[in-house]
PDB file of all heavy atoms in Angstrom:
ATOM      1  N   GLN A   1     -10.101  12.796  -9.648  1.00  0.00           N
ATOM      2  CA  GLN A   1      -8.739  12.314  -9.486  1.00  0.00           C
ATOM      3  C   GLN A   1      -8.633  11.181  -8.474  1.00  0.00           C
ATOM      4  O   GLN A   1      -7.541  10.830  -8.041  1.00  0.00           O
ATOM      5  CB  GLN A   1      -7.827  13.471  -9.068  1.00  0.00           C
ATOM      6  CG  GLN A   1      -7.757  14.588 -10.100  1.00  0.00           C
ATOM      7  CD  GLN A   1      -6.703  15.618  -9.748  1.00  0.00           C
ATOM      8  OE1 GLN A   1      -5.573  15.278  -9.400  1.00  0.00           O
ATOM      9  NE2 GLN A   1      -7.066  16.888  -9.831  1.00  0.00           N
ATOM     10  N   GLY A   2      -9.768  10.621  -8.094  1.00  0.00           N
ATOM     11  CA  GLY A   2      -9.743   9.479  -7.185  1.00  0.00           C
ATOM     12  C   GLY A   2      -9.843   9.828  -5.724  1.00  0.00           C
ATOM     13  O   GLY A   2      -9.660   8.946  -4.864  1.00  0.00           O
ATOM     14  N   LEU A   3     -10.128  11.047  -5.378  1.00  0.00           N
ATOM     15  CA  LEU A   3     -10.204  11.453  -3.974  1.00  0.00           C
ATOM     16  C   LEU A   3     -11.289  10.652  -3.243  1.00  0.00           C
ATOM     17  O   LEU A   3     -12.411  10.550  -3.705  1.00  0.00           O
ATOM     18  CB  LEU A   3     -10.511  12.947  -3.877  1.00  0.00           C
ATOM     19  CG  LEU A   3     -10.482  13.548  -2.458  1.00  0.00           C
ATOM     20  CD1 LEU A   3      -9.085  13.466  -1.877  1.00  0.00           C
ATOM     21  CD2 LEU A   3     -10.967  14.988  -2.482  1.00  0.00           C
ATOM     22  N   GLY A   4     -10.919  10.083  -2.103  1.00  0.00           N
ATOM     23  CA  GLY A   4     -11.863   9.302  -1.303  1.00  0.00           C
ATOM     24  C   GLY A   4     -11.926   7.836  -1.671  1.00  0.00           C
ATOM     25  O   GLY A   4     -12.665   7.065  -1.042  1.00  0.00           O
ATOM     26  N   ILE A   5     -11.177   7.429  -2.684  1.00  0.00           N
ATOM     27  CA  ILE A   5     -11.183   6.038  -3.142  1.00  0.00           C
ATOM     28  C   ILE A   5      -9.924   5.319  -2.642  1.00  0.00           C
ATOM     29  O   ILE A   5      -8.830   5.889  -2.620  1.00  0.00           O
ATOM     30  CB  ILE A   5     -11.247   5.971  -4.684  1.00  0.00           C
ATOM     31  CG1 ILE A   5     -12.552   6.606  -5.184  1.00  0.00           C
ATOM     32  CG2 ILE A   5     -11.122   4.527  -5.177  1.00  0.00           C
ATOM     33  CD1 ILE A   5     -13.808   5.916  -4.701  1.00  0.00           C
ATOM     34  N   VAL A   6     -10.082   4.051  -2.260  1.00  0.00           N
ATOM     35  CA  VAL A   6      -8.951   3.215  -1.841  1.00  0.00           C
ATOM     36  C   VAL A   6      -8.765   2.098  -2.862  1.00  0.00           C
ATOM     37  O   VAL A   6      -9.701   1.344  -3.148  1.00  0.00           O
ATOM     38  CB  VAL A   6      -9.181   2.616  -0.441  1.00  0.00           C
ATOM     39  CG1 VAL A   6      -8.026   1.690  -0.067  1.00  0.00           C
ATOM     40  CG2 VAL A   6      -9.329   3.721   0.591  1.00  0.00           C
ATOM     41  N   VAL A   7      -7.566   2.010  -3.427  1.00  0.00           N
ATOM     42  CA  VAL A   7      -7.234   0.990  -4.418  1.00  0.00           C
ATOM     43  C   VAL A   7      -6.284  -0.022  -3.782  1.00  0.00           C
ATOM     44  O   VAL A   7      -5.315   0.364  -3.118  1.00  0.00           O
ATOM     45  CB  VAL A   7      -6.571   1.622  -5.657  1.00  0.00           C
ATOM     46  CG1 VAL A   7      -6.177   0.538  -6.664  1.00  0.00           C
ATOM     47  CG2 VAL A   7      -7.501   2.632  -6.298  1.00  0.00           C
ATOM     48  N   ALA A   8      -6.564  -1.304  -3.958  1.00  0.00           N
ATOM     49  CA  ALA A   8      -5.716  -2.357  -3.398  1.00  0.00           C
ATOM     50  C   ALA A   8      -4.993  -3.102  -4.504  1.00  0.00           C
ATOM     51  O   ALA A   8      -5.519  -3.303  -5.596  1.00  0.00           O
ATOM     52  CB  ALA A   8      -6.543  -3.341  -2.578  1.00  0.00           C
ATOM     53  N   SER A   9      -3.777  -3.523  -4.199  1.00  0.00           N
ATOM     54  CA  SER A   9      -2.974  -4.316  -5.128  1.00  0.00           C
ATOM     55  C   SER A   9      -2.683  -5.673  -4.511  1.00  0.00           C
ATOM     56  O   SER A   9      -2.337  -5.765  -3.336  1.00  0.00           O
ATOM     57  CB  SER A   9      -1.653  -3.600  -5.435  1.00  0.00           C
ATOM     58  OG  SER A   9      -0.723  -4.493  -6.036  1.00  0.00           O
ATOM     59  N   MET A  10      -2.861  -6.729  -5.308  1.00  0.00           N
ATOM     60  CA  MET A  10      -2.397  -8.064  -4.925  1.00  0.00           C
ATOM     61  C   MET A  10      -1.300  -8.429  -5.914  1.00  0.00           C
ATOM     62  O   MET A  10      -1.573  -8.808  -7.058  1.00  0.00           O
ATOM     63  CB  MET A  10      -3.551  -9.070  -4.952  1.00  0.00           C
ATOM     64  CG  MET A  10      -4.574  -8.834  -3.850  1.00  0.00           C
ATOM     65  SD  MET A  10      -5.919 -10.044  -3.841  1.00  0.00           S
ATOM     66  CE  MET A  10      -5.040 -11.547  -3.449  1.00  0.00           C
ATOM     67  N   ASP A  11      -0.057  -8.303  -5.459  1.00  0.00           N
ATOM     68  CA  ASP A  11       1.067  -8.412  -6.394  1.00  0.00           C
ATOM     69  C   ASP A  11       2.333  -8.743  -5.608  1.00  0.00           C
ATOM     70  O   ASP A  11       2.260  -9.364  -4.544  1.00  0.00           O
ATOM     71  CB  ASP A  11       1.212  -7.091  -7.168  1.00  0.00           C
ATOM     72  CG  ASP A  11       1.798  -7.273  -8.562  1.00  0.00           C
ATOM     73  OD1 ASP A  11       2.953  -7.710  -8.656  1.00  0.00           O
ATOM     74  OD2 ASP A  11       1.099  -6.980  -9.556  1.00  0.00           O
ATOM     75  N   SER A  12       3.464  -8.292  -6.129  1.00  0.00           N
ATOM     76  CA  SER A  12       4.749  -8.545  -5.473  1.00  0.00           C
ATOM     77  C   SER A  12       4.996  -7.613  -4.306  1.00  0.00           C
ATOM     78  O   SER A  12       6.048  -7.672  -3.670  1.00  0.00           O
ATOM     79  CB  SER A  12       5.889  -8.403  -6.489  1.00  0.00           C
ATOM     80  OG  SER A  12       5.911  -7.090  -7.043  1.00  0.00           O
ATOM     81  N   GLY A  13       4.030  -6.757  -4.012  1.00  0.00           N
ATOM     82  CA  GLY A  13       4.170  -5.759  -2.967  1.00  0.00           C
ATOM     83  C   GLY A  13       4.188  -4.371  -3.573  1.00  0.00           C
ATOM     84  O   GLY A  13       3.929  -4.189  -4.762  1.00  0.00           O
ATOM     85  N   VAL A  14       4.489  -3.390  -2.777  1.00  0.00           N
ATOM     86  CA  VAL A  14       4.620  -2.011  -3.237  1.00  0.00           C
ATOM     87  C   VAL A  14       5.726  -1.356  -2.421  1.00  0.00           C
ATOM     88  O   VAL A  14       5.806  -1.557  -1.207  1.00  0.00           O
ATOM     89  CB  VAL A  14       3.305  -1.209  -3.065  1.00  0.00           C
ATOM     90  CG1 VAL A  14       3.502   0.239  -3.512  1.00  0.00           C
ATOM     91  CG2 VAL A  14       2.172  -1.843  -3.850  1.00  0.00           C
ATOM     92  N   SER A  15       6.558  -0.569  -3.076  1.00  0.00           N
ATOM     93  CA  SER A  15       7.586   0.177  -2.359  1.00  0.00           C
ATOM     94  C   SER A  15       6.945   1.352  -1.635  1.00  0.00           C
ATOM     95  O   SER A  15       6.466   2.300  -2.267  1.00  0.00           O
ATOM     96  CB  SER A  15       8.659   0.684  -3.333  1.00  0.00           C
ATOM     97  OG  SER A  15       9.568   1.542  -2.665  1.00  0.00           O
ATOM     98  N   GLY A  16       6.940   1.286  -0.321  1.00  0.00           N
ATOM     99  CA  GLY A  16       6.304   2.342   0.461  1.00  0.00           C
ATOM    100  C   GLY A  16       7.054   3.649   0.463  1.00  0.00           C
ATOM    101  O   GLY A  16       6.505   4.684   0.848  1.00  0.00           O
ATOM    102  N   SER A  17       8.313   3.628   0.006  1.00  0.00           N
ATOM    103  CA  SER A  17       9.125   4.843  -0.003  1.00  0.00           C
ATOM    104  C   SER A  17       9.222   5.483  -1.383  1.00  0.00           C
ATOM    105  O   SER A  17       9.917   6.492  -1.546  1.00  0.00           O
ATOM    106  CB  SER A  17      10.536   4.530   0.508  1.00  0.00           C
ATOM    107  OG  SER A  17      11.173   3.565  -0.328  1.00  0.00           O
ATOM    108  N   HIS A  18       8.551   4.926  -2.370  1.00  0.00           N
ATOM    109  CA  HIS A  18       8.640   5.485  -3.719  1.00  0.00           C
ATOM    110  C   HIS A  18       8.059   6.906  -3.717  1.00  0.00           C
ATOM    111  O   HIS A  18       6.958   7.137  -3.211  1.00  0.00           O
ATOM    112  CB  HIS A  18       7.874   4.609  -4.713  1.00  0.00           C
ATOM    113  CG  HIS A  18       8.170   4.918  -6.144  1.00  0.00           C
ATOM    114  ND1 HIS A  18       7.712   6.057  -6.765  1.00  0.00           N
ATOM    115  CD2 HIS A  18       8.897   4.240  -7.069  1.00  0.00           C
ATOM    116  CE1 HIS A  18       8.129   6.060  -8.020  1.00  0.00           C
ATOM    117  NE2 HIS A  18       8.860   4.960  -8.226  1.00  0.00           N
ATOM    118  N   PRO A  19       8.771   7.877  -4.282  1.00  0.00           N
ATOM    119  CA  PRO A  19       8.310   9.269  -4.218  1.00  0.00           C
ATOM    120  C   PRO A  19       6.966   9.525  -4.885  1.00  0.00           C
ATOM    121  O   PRO A  19       6.276  10.491  -4.539  1.00  0.00           O
ATOM    122  CB  PRO A  19       9.434  10.048  -4.920  1.00  0.00           C
ATOM    123  CG  PRO A  19      10.183   9.029  -5.718  1.00  0.00           C
ATOM    124  CD  PRO A  19      10.082   7.753  -4.950  1.00  0.00           C
ATOM    125  N   ASP A  20       6.578   8.685  -5.839  1.00  0.00           N
ATOM    126  CA  ASP A  20       5.279   8.865  -6.489  1.00  0.00           C
ATOM    127  C   ASP A  20       4.145   8.171  -5.741  1.00  0.00           C
ATOM    128  O   ASP A  20       2.983   8.302  -6.124  1.00  0.00           O
ATOM    129  CB  ASP A  20       5.322   8.328  -7.921  1.00  0.00           C
ATOM    130  CG  ASP A  20       5.965   9.308  -8.887  1.00  0.00           C
ATOM    131  OD1 ASP A  20       5.607  10.491  -8.831  1.00  0.00           O
ATOM    132  OD2 ASP A  20       6.833   8.890  -9.674  1.00  0.00           O
ATOM    133  N   LEU A  21       4.493   7.396  -4.686  1.00  0.00           N
ATOM    134  CA  LEU A  21       3.471   6.594  -4.006  1.00  0.00           C
ATOM    135  C   LEU A  21       3.444   6.761  -2.495  1.00  0.00           C
ATOM    136  O   LEU A  21       2.450   6.409  -1.853  1.00  0.00           O
ATOM    137  CB  LEU A  21       3.690   5.098  -4.323  1.00  0.00           C
ATOM    138  CG  LEU A  21       3.533   4.674  -5.782  1.00  0.00           C
ATOM    139  CD1 LEU A  21       4.004   3.234  -5.965  1.00  0.00           C
ATOM    140  CD2 LEU A  21       2.086   4.814  -6.220  1.00  0.00           C
ATOM    141  N   ALA A  22       4.513   7.262  -1.910  1.00  0.00           N
ATOM    142  CA  ALA A  22       4.634   7.293  -0.446  1.00  0.00           C
ATOM    143  C   ALA A  22       3.482   8.035   0.224  1.00  0.00           C
ATOM    144  O   ALA A  22       2.944   7.582   1.245  1.00  0.00           O
ATOM    145  CB  ALA A  22       5.968   7.915  -0.056  1.00  0.00           C
ATOM    146  N   ASP A  23       3.084   9.159  -0.328  1.00  0.00           N
ATOM    147  CA  ASP A  23       2.047   9.979   0.309  1.00  0.00           C
ATOM    148  C   ASP A  23       0.647   9.380   0.198  1.00  0.00           C
ATOM    149  O   ASP A  23      -0.249   9.772   0.948  1.00  0.00           O
ATOM    150  CB  ASP A  23       2.035  11.391  -0.305  1.00  0.00           C
ATOM    151  CG  ASP A  23       3.276  12.185   0.049  1.00  0.00           C
ATOM    152  OD1 ASP A  23       3.958  11.818   1.023  1.00  0.00           O
ATOM    153  OD2 ASP A  23       3.579  13.160  -0.669  1.00  0.00           O
ATOM    154  N   GLN A  24       0.453   8.443  -0.737  1.00  0.00           N
ATOM    155  CA  GLN A  24      -0.888   7.895  -0.950  1.00  0.00           C
ATOM    156  C   GLN A  24      -1.160   6.617  -0.170  1.00  0.00           C
ATOM    157  O   GLN A  24      -2.281   6.112  -0.194  1.00  0.00           O
ATOM    158  CB  GLN A  24      -1.142   7.630  -2.444  1.00  0.00           C
ATOM    159  CG  GLN A  24      -1.133   8.878  -3.303  1.00  0.00           C
ATOM    160  CD  GLN A  24       0.252   9.068  -3.910  1.00  0.00           C
ATOM    161  OE1 GLN A  24       1.222   9.367  -3.228  1.00  0.00           O
ATOM    162  NE2 GLN A  24       0.344   8.894  -5.229  1.00  0.00           N
ATOM    163  N   TRP A  25      -0.118   6.051   0.475  1.00  0.00           N
ATOM    164  CA  TRP A  25      -0.369   4.850   1.269  1.00  0.00           C
ATOM    165  C   TRP A  25      -1.285   5.213   2.432  1.00  0.00           C
ATOM    166  O   TRP A  25      -1.031   6.191   3.146  1.00  0.00           O
ATOM    167  CB  TRP A  25       0.940   4.262   1.801  1.00  0.00           C
ATOM    168  CG  TRP A  25       0.733   2.992   2.582  1.00  0.00           C
ATOM    169  CD1 TRP A  25      -0.040   1.931   2.225  1.00  0.00           C
ATOM    170  CD2 TRP A  25       1.311   2.659   3.855  1.00  0.00           C
ATOM    171  NE1 TRP A  25       0.007   0.941   3.179  1.00  0.00           N
ATOM    172  CE2 TRP A  25       0.830   1.362   4.199  1.00  0.00           C
ATOM    173  CE3 TRP A  25       2.173   3.313   4.724  1.00  0.00           C
ATOM    174  CZ2 TRP A  25       1.196   0.720   5.377  1.00  0.00           C
ATOM    175  CZ3 TRP A  25       2.536   2.673   5.901  1.00  0.00           C
ATOM    176  CH2 TRP A  25       2.048   1.393   6.222  1.00  0.00           C
ATOM    177  N   ARG A  26      -2.353   4.456   2.625  1.00  0.00           N
ATOM    178  CA  ARG A  26      -3.312   4.774   3.678  1.00  0.00           C
ATOM    179  C   ARG A  26      -2.676   4.675   5.056  1.00  0.00           C
ATOM    180  O   ARG A  26      -3.013   5.441   5.959  1.00  0.00           O
ATOM    181  CB  ARG A  26      -4.533   3.844   3.585  1.00  0.00           C
ATOM    182  CG  ARG A  26      -5.645   4.213   4.554  1.00  0.00           C
ATOM    183  CD  ARG A  26      -6.891   3.383   4.319  1.00  0.00           C
ATOM    184  NE  ARG A  26      -6.699   1.959   4.617  1.00  0.00           N
ATOM    185  CZ  ARG A  26      -7.651   1.036   4.494  1.00  0.00           C
ATOM    186  NH1 ARG A  26      -8.856   1.387   4.050  1.00  0.00           N
ATOM    187  NH2 ARG A  26      -7.411  -0.222   4.788  1.00  0.00           N
ATOM    188  N   GLY A  27      -1.770   3.740   5.230  1.00  0.00           N
ATOM    189  CA  GLY A  27      -1.042   3.609   6.488  1.00  0.00           C
ATOM    190  C   GLY A  27      -1.790   2.812   7.537  1.00  0.00           C
ATOM    191  O   GLY A  27      -3.007   2.673   7.493  1.00  0.00           O
ATOM    192  N   GLY A  28      -1.046   2.243   8.495  1.00  0.00           N
ATOM    193  CA  GLY A  28      -1.659   1.463   9.563  1.00  0.00           C
ATOM    194  C   GLY A  28      -1.625  -0.027   9.285  1.00  0.00           C
ATOM    195  O   GLY A  28      -1.314  -0.479   8.178  1.00  0.00           O
ATOM    196  N   THR A  29      -1.966  -0.808  10.301  1.00  0.00           N
ATOM    197  CA  THR A  29      -1.927  -2.265  10.172  1.00  0.00           C
ATOM    198  C   THR A  29      -2.987  -2.806   9.230  1.00  0.00           C
ATOM    199  O   THR A  29      -2.913  -3.962   8.820  1.00  0.00           O
ATOM    200  CB  THR A  29      -2.099  -2.921  11.552  1.00  0.00           C
ATOM    201  OG1 THR A  29      -3.333  -2.458  12.140  1.00  0.00           O
ATOM    202  CG2 THR A  29      -0.950  -2.543  12.480  1.00  0.00           C
ATOM    203  N   ASN A  30      -3.988  -1.992   8.897  1.00  0.00           N
ATOM    204  CA  ASN A  30      -5.044  -2.443   7.982  1.00  0.00           C
ATOM    205  C   ASN A  30      -4.769  -2.009   6.543  1.00  0.00           C
ATOM    206  O   ASN A  30      -5.686  -1.972   5.716  1.00  0.00           O
ATOM    207  CB  ASN A  30      -6.407  -1.913   8.425  1.00  0.00           C
ATOM    208  CG  ASN A  30      -6.511  -0.402   8.308  1.00  0.00           C
ATOM    209  OD1 ASN A  30      -5.498   0.295   8.307  1.00  0.00           O
ATOM    210  ND2 ASN A  30      -7.726   0.110   8.215  1.00  0.00           N
ATOM    211  N   SER A  31      -3.504  -1.701   6.232  1.00  0.00           N
ATOM    212  CA  SER A  31      -3.175  -1.225   4.885  1.00  0.00           C
ATOM    213  C   SER A  31      -2.045  -2.007   4.238  1.00  0.00           C
ATOM    214  O   SER A  31      -1.601  -1.669   3.136  1.00  0.00           O
ATOM    215  CB  SER A  31      -2.806   0.268   4.936  1.00  0.00           C
ATOM    216  OG  SER A  31      -3.902   1.033   5.399  1.00  0.00           O
ATOM    217  N   TRP A  32      -1.560  -3.039   4.900  1.00  0.00           N
ATOM    218  CA  TRP A  32      -0.484  -3.864   4.340  1.00  0.00           C
ATOM    219  C   TRP A  32      -0.593  -5.265   4.914  1.00  0.00           C
ATOM    220  O   TRP A  32      -0.774  -5.444   6.120  1.00  0.00           O
ATOM    221  CB  TRP A  32       0.884  -3.266   4.671  1.00  0.00           C
ATOM    222  CG  TRP A  32       2.047  -4.161   4.362  1.00  0.00           C
ATOM    223  CD1 TRP A  32       2.825  -4.844   5.266  1.00  0.00           C
ATOM    224  CD2 TRP A  32       2.566  -4.497   3.065  1.00  0.00           C
ATOM    225  NE1 TRP A  32       3.792  -5.569   4.616  1.00  0.00           N
ATOM    226  CE2 TRP A  32       3.662  -5.374   3.262  1.00  0.00           C
ATOM    227  CE3 TRP A  32       2.217  -4.133   1.763  1.00  0.00           C
ATOM    228  CZ2 TRP A  32       4.406  -5.891   2.204  1.00  0.00           C
ATOM    229  CZ3 TRP A  32       2.959  -4.655   0.707  1.00  0.00           C
ATOM    230  CH2 TRP A  32       4.032  -5.507   0.926  1.00  0.00           C
ATOM    231  N   PHE A  33      -0.520  -6.275   4.042  1.00  0.00           N
ATOM    232  CA  PHE A  33      -0.648  -7.667   4.501  1.00  0.00           C
ATOM    233  C   PHE A  33       0.307  -8.564   3.732  1.00  0.00           C
ATOM    234  O   PHE A  33       0.319  -8.582   2.504  1.00  0.00           O
ATOM    235  CB  PHE A  33      -2.087  -8.159   4.312  1.00  0.00           C
ATOM    236  CG  PHE A  33      -2.308  -9.595   4.726  1.00  0.00           C
ATOM    237  CD1 PHE A  33      -1.934 -10.046   5.978  1.00  0.00           C
ATOM    238  CD2 PHE A  33      -2.887 -10.502   3.848  1.00  0.00           C
ATOM    239  CE1 PHE A  33      -2.137 -11.368   6.369  1.00  0.00           C
ATOM    240  CE2 PHE A  33      -3.102 -11.824   4.215  1.00  0.00           C
ATOM    241  CZ  PHE A  33      -2.726 -12.254   5.476  1.00  0.00           C
ATOM    242  N   ASP A  34       1.123  -9.306   4.475  1.00  0.00           N
ATOM    243  CA  ASP A  34       2.034 -10.296   3.905  1.00  0.00           C
ATOM    244  C   ASP A  34       1.662 -11.654   4.497  1.00  0.00           C
ATOM    245  O   ASP A  34       1.993 -11.938   5.650  1.00  0.00           O
ATOM    246  CB  ASP A  34       3.483  -9.943   4.247  1.00  0.00           C
ATOM    247  CG  ASP A  34       4.478 -10.970   3.716  1.00  0.00           C
ATOM    248  OD1 ASP A  34       4.048 -11.957   3.075  1.00  0.00           O
ATOM    249  OD2 ASP A  34       5.686 -10.789   3.937  1.00  0.00           O
ATOM    250  N   PRO A  35       0.951 -12.513   3.750  1.00  0.00           N
ATOM    251  CA  PRO A  35       0.497 -13.796   4.304  1.00  0.00           C
ATOM    252  C   PRO A  35       1.628 -14.748   4.656  1.00  0.00           C
ATOM    253  O   PRO A  35       1.409 -15.718   5.379  1.00  0.00           O
ATOM    254  CB  PRO A  35      -0.381 -14.371   3.177  1.00  0.00           C
ATOM    255  CG  PRO A  35       0.092 -13.693   1.939  1.00  0.00           C
ATOM    256  CD  PRO A  35       0.525 -12.327   2.352  1.00  0.00           C
ATOM    257  N   TYR A  36       2.837 -14.488   4.154  1.00  0.00           N
ATOM    258  CA  TYR A  36       3.979 -15.363   4.451  1.00  0.00           C
ATOM    259  C   TYR A  36       4.735 -14.914   5.693  1.00  0.00           C
ATOM    260  O   TYR A  36       5.631 -15.624   6.163  1.00  0.00           O
ATOM    261  CB  TYR A  36       4.937 -15.396   3.254  1.00  0.00           C
ATOM    262  CG  TYR A  36       4.255 -15.716   1.954  1.00  0.00           C
ATOM    263  CD1 TYR A  36       3.914 -14.703   1.056  1.00  0.00           C
ATOM    264  CD2 TYR A  36       3.919 -17.023   1.617  1.00  0.00           C
ATOM    265  CE1 TYR A  36       3.267 -14.988  -0.139  1.00  0.00           C
ATOM    266  CE2 TYR A  36       3.273 -17.321   0.432  1.00  0.00           C
ATOM    267  CZ  TYR A  36       2.950 -16.289  -0.444  1.00  0.00           C
ATOM    268  OH  TYR A  36       2.303 -16.573  -1.615  1.00  0.00           O
ATOM    269  N   GLY A  37       4.421 -13.731   6.204  1.00  0.00           N
ATOM    270  CA  GLY A  37       5.101 -13.230   7.388  1.00  0.00           C
ATOM    271  C   GLY A  37       6.542 -12.829   7.165  1.00  0.00           C
ATOM    272  O   GLY A  37       7.320 -12.726   8.119  1.00  0.00           O
ATOM    273  N   GLU A  38       6.924 -12.564   5.915  1.00  0.00           N
ATOM    274  CA  GLU A  38       8.307 -12.191   5.619  1.00  0.00           C
ATOM    275  C   GLU A  38       8.552 -10.693   5.827  1.00  0.00           C
ATOM    276  O   GLU A  38       9.655 -10.287   6.190  1.00  0.00           O
ATOM    277  CB  GLU A  38       8.655 -12.580   4.179  1.00  0.00           C
ATOM    278  CG  GLU A  38       8.625 -14.077   3.938  1.00  0.00           C
ATOM    279  CD  GLU A  38       8.803 -14.440   2.469  1.00  0.00           C
ATOM    280  OE1 GLU A  38       8.344 -13.670   1.593  1.00  0.00           O
ATOM    281  OE2 GLU A  38       9.386 -15.511   2.192  1.00  0.00           O
ATOM    282  N   HIS A  39       7.526  -9.884   5.583  1.00  0.00           N
ATOM    283  CA  HIS A  39       7.635  -8.423   5.746  1.00  0.00           C
ATOM    284  C   HIS A  39       6.305  -7.938   6.335  1.00  0.00           C
ATOM    285  O   HIS A  39       5.415  -7.528   5.601  1.00  0.00           O
ATOM    286  CB  HIS A  39       7.912  -7.746   4.403  1.00  0.00           C
ATOM    287  CG  HIS A  39       9.112  -8.281   3.686  1.00  0.00           C
ATOM    288  ND1 HIS A  39      10.396  -7.863   3.961  1.00  0.00           N
ATOM    289  CD2 HIS A  39       9.227  -9.240   2.725  1.00  0.00           C
ATOM    290  CE1 HIS A  39      11.249  -8.517   3.188  1.00  0.00           C
ATOM    291  NE2 HIS A  39      10.562  -9.360   2.433  1.00  0.00           N
TER     292      HIS A  39
END
């Protein structure tokens, strides 16, 4: 089921509060990057 694997997305972002995704975000400053500095 993917245990121990980290998947990255390069897209429009991800909703960190989505109920199907919130618990799987790795968390921390090394888990989210916005090159434009908007978020």
